[in-house]
N, C-alpha and C. Protein backbone atom coordinates (compact mmCIF):
# COMPACT_ATOMS: atom_id res chain seq x y z
N MET A 1 96.33 75.94 114.27
CA MET A 1 95.34 76.27 113.43
C MET A 1 94.12 77.11 114.52
N ARG A 2 93.76 78.24 114.04
CA ARG A 2 92.82 78.74 114.97
C ARG A 2 91.44 78.37 114.85
N SER A 3 90.65 78.04 115.87
CA SER A 3 89.22 77.68 115.65
C SER A 3 88.45 79.00 115.64
N ILE A 4 87.44 79.08 114.85
CA ILE A 4 86.63 80.14 114.71
C ILE A 4 85.11 79.74 114.98
N LYS A 5 84.52 80.54 115.89
CA LYS A 5 83.35 80.22 116.64
C LYS A 5 82.24 81.19 115.94
N SER A 6 82.64 82.09 115.08
CA SER A 6 81.64 83.12 114.55
C SER A 6 81.96 83.15 113.12
N ASP A 7 80.88 83.74 112.63
CA ASP A 7 80.93 83.99 111.09
C ASP A 7 81.84 85.30 110.77
N LYS A 8 82.10 85.94 111.84
CA LYS A 8 82.96 87.07 111.43
C LYS A 8 84.48 86.68 111.87
N LEU A 9 85.35 87.12 111.07
CA LEU A 9 86.78 86.98 111.26
C LEU A 9 87.62 88.50 111.19
N GLU A 10 88.17 88.58 112.32
CA GLU A 10 88.98 89.94 112.24
C GLU A 10 90.34 89.60 111.33
N ILE A 11 90.46 90.58 110.61
CA ILE A 11 91.55 90.75 109.55
C ILE A 11 92.48 91.68 110.03
N VAL A 12 93.73 91.42 110.50
CA VAL A 12 94.71 92.38 110.73
C VAL A 12 95.95 92.43 109.78
N TYR A 13 96.31 93.49 109.24
CA TYR A 13 97.42 93.84 108.41
C TYR A 13 98.64 94.58 109.12
N GLU A 14 99.63 94.45 108.82
CA GLU A 14 100.71 95.33 109.31
C GLU A 14 101.30 96.07 107.99
N SER A 15 101.33 97.34 108.21
CA SER A 15 101.91 98.15 107.19
C SER A 15 103.27 97.85 106.89
N ILE A 16 103.60 97.95 105.57
CA ILE A 16 104.99 97.71 105.41
C ILE A 16 105.75 99.04 104.88
N GLY A 17 105.16 100.21 105.20
CA GLY A 17 105.50 101.53 105.10
C GLY A 17 104.47 102.59 104.85
N GLU A 18 105.01 103.52 104.23
CA GLU A 18 103.82 104.62 104.01
C GLU A 18 104.10 105.46 102.79
N VAL A 19 103.04 106.15 102.33
CA VAL A 19 103.22 107.11 101.23
C VAL A 19 103.60 108.47 101.55
N LYS A 20 104.67 109.20 100.83
CA LYS A 20 104.95 110.49 100.88
C LYS A 20 104.73 111.15 99.71
N ASN A 21 103.93 112.52 99.81
CA ASN A 21 103.64 113.27 98.71
C ASN A 21 103.01 114.54 99.46
N ASN A 22 102.69 115.49 98.40
CA ASN A 22 102.31 116.76 98.83
C ASN A 22 100.72 116.87 99.04
N PHE A 23 100.01 115.71 99.42
CA PHE A 23 98.41 115.84 99.49
C PHE A 23 98.05 115.24 100.80
N SER A 24 97.92 115.93 101.81
CA SER A 24 97.58 115.56 102.99
C SER A 24 96.07 115.30 103.30
N LYS A 25 95.26 115.95 102.39
CA LYS A 25 93.78 115.80 102.27
C LYS A 25 93.36 115.62 100.90
N PRO A 26 92.09 115.08 100.80
CA PRO A 26 91.53 114.73 99.34
C PRO A 26 91.64 116.18 98.49
N ASP A 27 91.98 115.81 97.02
CA ASP A 27 92.06 116.95 96.30
C ASP A 27 91.59 116.14 94.87
N ASP A 28 91.88 116.99 93.90
CA ASP A 28 91.37 116.49 92.48
C ASP A 28 92.15 115.13 92.18
N PRO A 29 91.52 114.11 91.99
CA PRO A 29 92.15 112.75 91.71
C PRO A 29 93.10 112.80 90.71
N LYS A 30 92.75 113.58 89.58
CA LYS A 30 93.74 113.68 88.44
C LYS A 30 95.12 114.60 88.75
N LYS A 31 94.84 115.39 89.67
CA LYS A 31 96.08 116.22 90.15
C LYS A 31 97.10 115.32 91.04
N ILE A 32 96.27 114.61 91.82
CA ILE A 32 97.09 113.73 92.91
C ILE A 32 98.00 112.79 91.88
N ARG A 33 97.32 112.07 91.01
CA ARG A 33 97.56 110.97 90.16
C ARG A 33 99.00 111.41 89.10
N ASN A 34 98.64 112.90 88.90
CA ASN A 34 99.77 113.39 87.90
C ASN A 34 101.20 113.93 88.59
N SER A 35 101.24 113.72 89.90
CA SER A 35 102.26 114.11 90.74
C SER A 35 103.15 113.11 91.14
N GLN A 36 104.23 113.34 91.81
CA GLN A 36 105.15 112.32 92.14
C GLN A 36 105.03 111.93 93.86
N SER A 37 105.02 110.71 94.09
CA SER A 37 104.90 110.21 95.36
C SER A 37 106.14 109.27 95.59
N GLN A 38 106.36 109.10 96.92
CA GLN A 38 107.44 108.19 97.36
C GLN A 38 106.75 107.18 98.16
N LEU A 39 107.08 105.73 97.77
CA LEU A 39 106.89 104.55 98.76
C LEU A 39 107.82 104.40 99.73
N ILE A 40 107.64 104.73 100.63
CA ILE A 40 108.74 104.54 101.81
C ILE A 40 108.66 103.32 102.75
N LEU A 41 109.31 102.17 102.35
CA LEU A 41 109.16 100.93 102.92
C LEU A 41 109.98 100.71 104.28
N LYS A 42 109.54 100.18 105.43
CA LYS A 42 110.34 100.00 106.44
C LYS A 42 111.65 99.12 106.16
N GLU A 43 112.65 99.61 106.87
CA GLU A 43 114.06 99.11 106.61
C GLU A 43 113.96 97.54 106.55
N LYS A 44 113.27 96.98 107.44
CA LYS A 44 113.45 95.38 107.23
C LYS A 44 112.84 94.83 105.89
N TYR A 45 112.36 95.45 105.13
CA TYR A 45 111.76 95.16 103.87
C TYR A 45 112.70 95.45 102.57
N LEU A 46 113.95 96.05 102.87
CA LEU A 46 114.91 96.34 101.87
C LEU A 46 115.44 95.12 101.10
N PRO A 47 115.60 94.03 101.66
CA PRO A 47 115.91 92.59 100.97
C PRO A 47 114.74 92.21 99.88
N ALA A 48 113.42 92.50 100.38
CA ALA A 48 112.31 92.20 99.66
C ALA A 48 112.27 92.83 98.34
N LEU A 49 113.03 94.16 98.05
CA LEU A 49 113.06 94.79 96.88
C LEU A 49 114.08 94.34 95.89
N GLU A 50 114.78 93.40 96.05
CA GLU A 50 115.70 92.82 95.18
C GLU A 50 115.09 92.47 93.77
N GLY A 51 115.64 93.02 92.80
CA GLY A 51 114.87 92.79 91.48
C GLY A 51 113.74 93.74 91.04
N MET A 52 113.56 94.60 91.77
CA MET A 52 112.64 95.67 91.65
C MET A 52 112.99 96.40 90.19
N GLU A 53 114.26 96.56 89.97
CA GLU A 53 114.78 97.41 88.91
C GLU A 53 114.40 96.93 87.63
N ARG A 54 113.82 95.59 87.72
CA ARG A 54 113.40 95.03 86.40
C ARG A 54 112.11 95.52 85.70
N TYR A 55 111.27 96.11 86.61
CA TYR A 55 109.91 96.38 86.35
C TYR A 55 109.70 97.90 86.11
N LYS A 56 108.80 98.19 85.30
CA LYS A 56 108.37 99.56 85.04
C LYS A 56 107.29 100.08 85.80
N TYR A 57 106.39 99.26 86.07
CA TYR A 57 105.13 99.57 86.71
C TYR A 57 104.94 98.56 87.99
N LEU A 58 104.25 98.96 89.10
CA LEU A 58 103.72 98.65 90.14
C LEU A 58 102.41 98.53 90.56
N LEU A 59 101.77 97.40 91.29
CA LEU A 59 100.42 97.79 91.75
C LEU A 59 100.96 97.88 93.35
N VAL A 60 100.25 99.20 93.56
CA VAL A 60 100.39 99.22 94.87
C VAL A 60 98.91 99.23 95.91
N VAL A 61 99.02 98.57 96.89
CA VAL A 61 97.89 98.34 97.78
C VAL A 61 98.16 99.23 99.16
N TYR A 62 97.27 100.05 99.41
CA TYR A 62 97.24 100.65 100.59
C TYR A 62 95.87 100.86 101.24
N HIS A 63 96.06 101.41 102.50
CA HIS A 63 94.94 101.40 103.41
C HIS A 63 94.40 102.93 103.07
N ILE A 64 93.19 103.15 102.87
CA ILE A 64 92.42 104.68 102.75
C ILE A 64 92.12 104.92 104.14
N ASP A 65 93.17 105.57 104.91
CA ASP A 65 92.96 105.60 106.28
C ASP A 65 91.99 106.99 106.38
N ARG A 66 91.93 107.84 105.48
CA ARG A 66 91.07 108.93 105.50
C ARG A 66 89.73 108.78 105.05
N SER A 67 89.20 107.37 104.86
CA SER A 67 88.20 107.28 104.19
C SER A 67 86.87 107.89 104.90
N PRO A 68 85.97 108.57 104.22
CA PRO A 68 84.76 109.08 104.92
C PRO A 68 83.85 108.12 105.46
N GLY A 69 84.03 106.85 105.34
CA GLY A 69 83.16 105.76 105.61
C GLY A 69 82.40 105.29 104.50
N TYR A 70 81.73 104.02 104.75
CA TYR A 70 81.17 103.25 103.91
C TYR A 70 79.65 104.05 103.23
N ARG A 71 79.46 104.03 101.98
CA ARG A 71 78.19 104.52 101.44
C ARG A 71 77.94 103.58 100.21
N GLU A 72 76.72 103.42 100.17
CA GLU A 72 76.22 102.18 99.16
C GLU A 72 76.39 102.95 97.65
N SER A 73 76.11 104.28 97.53
CA SER A 73 76.11 104.87 96.21
C SER A 73 76.90 106.13 96.54
N VAL A 74 77.51 106.59 95.48
CA VAL A 74 78.42 107.92 95.49
C VAL A 74 78.42 108.37 94.01
N HIS A 75 78.61 109.93 94.08
CA HIS A 75 78.76 110.56 92.59
C HIS A 75 79.93 110.07 92.31
N PRO A 76 80.44 109.53 90.91
CA PRO A 76 81.78 109.29 90.61
C PRO A 76 82.73 110.54 90.57
N MET A 77 83.74 110.44 90.89
CA MET A 77 84.82 111.51 91.25
C MET A 77 84.33 112.64 92.18
N GLY A 78 83.34 112.10 92.85
CA GLY A 78 82.98 113.17 93.90
C GLY A 78 82.17 114.55 93.10
N ASP A 79 81.72 114.22 91.88
CA ASP A 79 81.32 115.26 91.16
C ASP A 79 79.53 115.31 91.23
N PRO A 80 79.03 115.93 92.11
CA PRO A 80 77.58 116.00 92.24
C PRO A 80 76.79 116.08 90.81
N SER A 81 77.39 116.57 89.77
CA SER A 81 76.75 116.76 88.45
C SER A 81 76.42 115.39 87.72
N ARG A 82 77.24 114.40 88.37
CA ARG A 82 77.26 113.19 87.61
C ARG A 82 76.33 112.27 88.42
N PRO A 83 75.60 111.34 87.76
CA PRO A 83 74.46 110.59 88.76
C PRO A 83 75.18 109.61 89.54
N GLU A 84 74.54 109.43 90.90
CA GLU A 84 75.09 108.29 91.78
C GLU A 84 75.23 106.96 90.96
N ARG A 85 76.08 106.26 91.41
CA ARG A 85 76.35 104.77 91.06
C ARG A 85 76.64 103.96 92.57
N GLY A 86 76.35 102.70 92.30
CA GLY A 86 77.05 101.75 93.53
C GLY A 86 78.50 101.95 93.74
N VAL A 87 78.81 102.13 94.93
CA VAL A 87 80.24 102.51 95.15
C VAL A 87 81.13 101.24 94.58
N PHE A 88 80.71 100.04 94.27
CA PHE A 88 81.60 99.04 93.73
C PHE A 88 81.68 99.24 91.96
N ALA A 89 80.98 100.24 91.64
CA ALA A 89 81.05 100.78 90.20
C ALA A 89 81.82 101.85 90.19
N THR A 90 82.56 102.27 91.18
CA THR A 90 83.44 103.49 91.01
C THR A 90 84.81 103.31 91.92
N ARG A 91 85.64 104.16 92.07
CA ARG A 91 86.84 104.28 92.53
C ARG A 91 86.95 104.92 93.86
N SER A 92 85.63 105.36 94.36
CA SER A 92 85.44 106.08 95.58
C SER A 92 86.13 105.50 96.77
N PRO A 93 86.61 106.42 97.74
CA PRO A 93 87.20 105.66 98.94
C PRO A 93 86.20 105.25 100.02
N CYS A 94 85.01 105.63 99.60
CA CYS A 94 83.77 105.27 100.63
C CYS A 94 83.56 103.89 100.62
N ARG A 95 84.39 102.78 100.85
CA ARG A 95 84.07 101.19 100.72
C ARG A 95 83.98 100.65 101.95
N PRO A 96 83.54 99.57 101.79
CA PRO A 96 83.11 98.75 103.30
C PRO A 96 84.60 98.36 103.94
N ASN A 97 85.61 98.14 103.02
CA ASN A 97 87.05 97.80 103.45
C ASN A 97 87.75 98.85 102.47
N PRO A 98 88.17 99.92 103.25
CA PRO A 98 88.87 101.12 102.36
C PRO A 98 90.28 100.48 102.07
N ILE A 99 90.33 99.92 101.05
CA ILE A 99 91.63 99.45 100.56
C ILE A 99 91.94 99.98 99.10
N GLY A 100 92.71 100.67 98.90
CA GLY A 100 93.07 101.21 97.58
C GLY A 100 94.06 100.38 96.73
N ILE A 101 93.79 100.46 95.56
CA ILE A 101 94.86 99.63 94.65
C ILE A 101 95.02 100.46 93.37
N THR A 102 96.31 100.77 92.93
CA THR A 102 96.63 101.71 91.95
C THR A 102 97.93 101.01 91.28
N VAL A 103 97.94 101.04 89.85
CA VAL A 103 99.01 100.80 89.24
C VAL A 103 99.77 102.24 88.96
N VAL A 104 101.12 102.14 89.22
CA VAL A 104 101.96 103.25 89.28
C VAL A 104 103.23 103.04 88.27
N GLU A 105 103.86 104.14 87.89
CA GLU A 105 104.97 104.08 87.08
C GLU A 105 106.28 104.16 88.11
N ILE A 106 106.95 103.41 88.07
CA ILE A 106 108.27 103.48 88.99
C ILE A 106 109.25 104.47 87.97
N LEU A 107 109.75 105.51 88.92
CA LEU A 107 110.59 106.42 88.43
C LEU A 107 111.99 106.28 88.85
N ALA A 108 112.03 105.73 90.15
CA ALA A 108 113.50 105.49 90.60
C ALA A 108 113.35 104.71 91.94
N VAL A 109 114.19 103.83 92.10
CA VAL A 109 114.34 102.89 93.30
C VAL A 109 115.74 103.25 94.07
N GLU A 110 115.65 103.84 95.23
CA GLU A 110 116.84 104.07 96.06
C GLU A 110 116.62 103.53 97.41
N GLY A 111 117.15 102.43 97.67
CA GLY A 111 117.28 101.80 99.14
C GLY A 111 115.73 101.39 99.38
N THR A 112 115.19 101.82 100.32
CA THR A 112 113.58 101.56 100.75
C THR A 112 112.66 102.50 100.08
N LYS A 113 113.33 103.39 99.39
CA LYS A 113 112.27 104.39 98.63
C LYS A 113 112.08 104.29 97.23
N ILE A 114 110.79 104.26 96.84
CA ILE A 114 110.44 103.89 95.38
C ILE A 114 109.73 105.24 94.86
N CYS A 115 110.38 105.98 94.05
CA CYS A 115 109.60 107.28 93.51
C CYS A 115 108.78 106.68 92.44
N VAL A 116 107.44 107.10 92.47
CA VAL A 116 106.42 106.69 91.58
C VAL A 116 105.76 107.88 91.01
N THR A 117 104.86 107.69 90.19
CA THR A 117 103.84 108.71 89.49
C THR A 117 102.57 107.90 89.09
N GLY A 118 101.59 108.40 89.37
CA GLY A 118 100.34 107.78 89.17
C GLY A 118 99.61 107.26 90.31
N LEU A 119 99.98 107.57 91.36
CA LEU A 119 99.38 107.02 92.71
C LEU A 119 98.43 108.12 93.17
N ASP A 120 97.10 107.57 93.58
CA ASP A 120 95.90 108.31 94.12
C ASP A 120 95.96 108.14 95.73
N ALA A 121 96.92 107.99 96.44
CA ALA A 121 96.99 107.69 97.85
C ALA A 121 97.27 109.06 98.50
N LEU A 122 97.03 109.38 99.71
CA LEU A 122 97.37 110.82 100.40
C LEU A 122 98.60 110.57 101.09
N ASP A 123 99.17 111.45 101.42
CA ASP A 123 100.65 111.47 102.40
C ASP A 123 100.33 110.93 103.50
N GLY A 124 101.20 109.79 104.07
CA GLY A 124 101.15 109.24 105.13
C GLY A 124 100.10 107.81 105.24
N SER A 125 99.51 107.74 103.86
CA SER A 125 98.68 106.39 103.80
C SER A 125 99.60 105.31 104.08
N PRO A 126 98.92 104.39 104.76
CA PRO A 126 99.61 103.08 105.05
C PRO A 126 100.07 102.19 103.93
N LEU A 127 100.99 101.49 103.63
CA LEU A 127 101.21 100.73 102.63
C LEU A 127 101.12 99.29 103.06
N LEU A 128 100.10 98.56 102.34
CA LEU A 128 99.79 97.12 102.62
C LEU A 128 100.78 96.21 101.93
N ASP A 129 101.01 96.57 100.50
CA ASP A 129 101.63 95.54 99.75
C ASP A 129 102.20 96.24 98.39
N ILE A 130 103.07 95.90 97.87
CA ILE A 130 103.29 96.24 96.47
C ILE A 130 103.78 94.96 95.73
N LYS A 131 103.40 95.05 94.32
CA LYS A 131 103.66 93.94 93.50
C LYS A 131 103.90 94.47 92.16
N PRO A 132 105.00 93.56 91.39
CA PRO A 132 105.34 94.07 90.05
C PRO A 132 103.99 94.05 89.20
N TYR A 133 103.84 94.93 88.44
CA TYR A 133 102.62 94.96 87.43
C TYR A 133 103.13 94.07 86.18
N GLU A 134 102.47 92.82 85.91
CA GLU A 134 102.95 92.06 84.82
C GLU A 134 101.71 91.85 83.88
N GLU A 135 101.80 92.39 82.52
CA GLU A 135 100.74 92.28 81.76
C GLU A 135 100.24 91.08 81.62
N HIS A 136 101.04 89.93 81.59
CA HIS A 136 100.39 88.77 81.22
C HIS A 136 99.48 88.06 82.63
N PHE A 137 99.57 88.91 83.83
CA PHE A 137 98.77 88.39 84.84
C PHE A 137 97.68 89.39 85.14
N ASP A 138 98.14 90.77 84.73
CA ASP A 138 97.29 91.89 85.30
C ASP A 138 96.26 92.77 84.40
N SER A 139 96.41 92.37 82.93
CA SER A 139 95.53 92.98 81.98
C SER A 139 94.66 91.98 81.35
N PRO A 140 93.73 92.68 80.81
CA PRO A 140 92.69 91.68 80.01
C PRO A 140 93.63 90.98 78.85
N SER A 141 94.32 91.58 78.29
CA SER A 141 95.06 90.84 77.23
C SER A 141 96.01 89.84 77.82
N GLY A 142 96.39 89.86 78.84
CA GLY A 142 97.15 88.82 79.59
C GLY A 142 96.12 87.63 79.98
N VAL A 143 95.15 87.84 80.12
CA VAL A 143 94.16 86.77 80.20
C VAL A 143 94.02 85.66 78.84
N GLU A 144 94.00 86.52 77.74
CA GLU A 144 93.93 85.89 76.56
C GLU A 144 95.28 85.14 76.31
N TRP A 145 96.45 85.81 76.74
CA TRP A 145 97.76 85.24 76.54
C TRP A 145 97.68 83.85 77.48
N GLU A 146 97.10 83.92 78.62
CA GLU A 146 97.18 82.65 79.47
C GLU A 146 96.32 81.56 78.74
N LYS A 147 95.29 81.92 78.05
CA LYS A 147 94.41 81.13 77.21
C LYS A 147 95.23 80.19 76.19
N ASP A 148 96.11 80.94 75.65
CA ASP A 148 96.90 80.49 74.42
C ASP A 148 97.89 79.49 75.21
N LEU A 149 98.19 79.51 76.33
CA LEU A 149 99.24 78.55 76.98
C LEU A 149 98.56 77.34 77.60
N ALA A 150 97.24 77.30 77.60
CA ALA A 150 96.49 76.05 78.25
C ALA A 150 96.95 74.73 77.51
N TYR A 151 96.95 73.77 78.47
CA TYR A 151 97.40 72.58 78.27
C TYR A 151 96.62 71.88 77.09
N LYS A 152 97.40 71.63 75.92
CA LYS A 152 96.87 70.91 74.77
C LYS A 152 97.46 69.54 74.60
N PRO A 153 96.80 68.58 74.51
CA PRO A 153 97.74 67.33 74.47
C PRO A 153 98.35 67.08 72.93
N LYS A 154 99.40 66.48 73.00
CA LYS A 154 100.02 66.20 71.77
C LYS A 154 99.47 65.41 70.72
N GLU A 155 99.62 65.77 69.54
CA GLU A 155 98.66 64.99 68.51
C GLU A 155 99.43 63.73 68.46
N SER A 156 98.74 62.55 68.06
CA SER A 156 99.48 61.36 67.71
C SER A 156 100.24 61.37 66.54
N PRO A 157 101.36 60.84 66.25
CA PRO A 157 101.99 60.86 65.02
C PRO A 157 101.50 59.91 63.97
């Protein structure tokens, strides 16, 4: 175990792969999300993809490597005609920790390449993680589902 003598902890992640698409610089987020992207994983992660064919959607976690830097408030969707909001109330890349998370639809899985649609990352963005999207964990209706499964003692006969 590492001893920490400061209130600051350096956190280091290793990329599991990268995004491939036709967007090397920021563009209309809707245009990017409506296009196809490939998640290209490092070869060493091929065994970790076993069972992926069972899923229709993924949560993709990536590093926003071209973030313009942290700002407390931004115009939603970068549109100056919209009033500024706190960055935590937007999907802006101007975050203290530039981490992107997007739900994508899986179109195909071929080896270490996953073809998806719905991703808002740029070409070359480092992938940090992928997880299957499961409604019973990842949606508000899933929270209700979990409550229904809460432990209830058996009634006495």
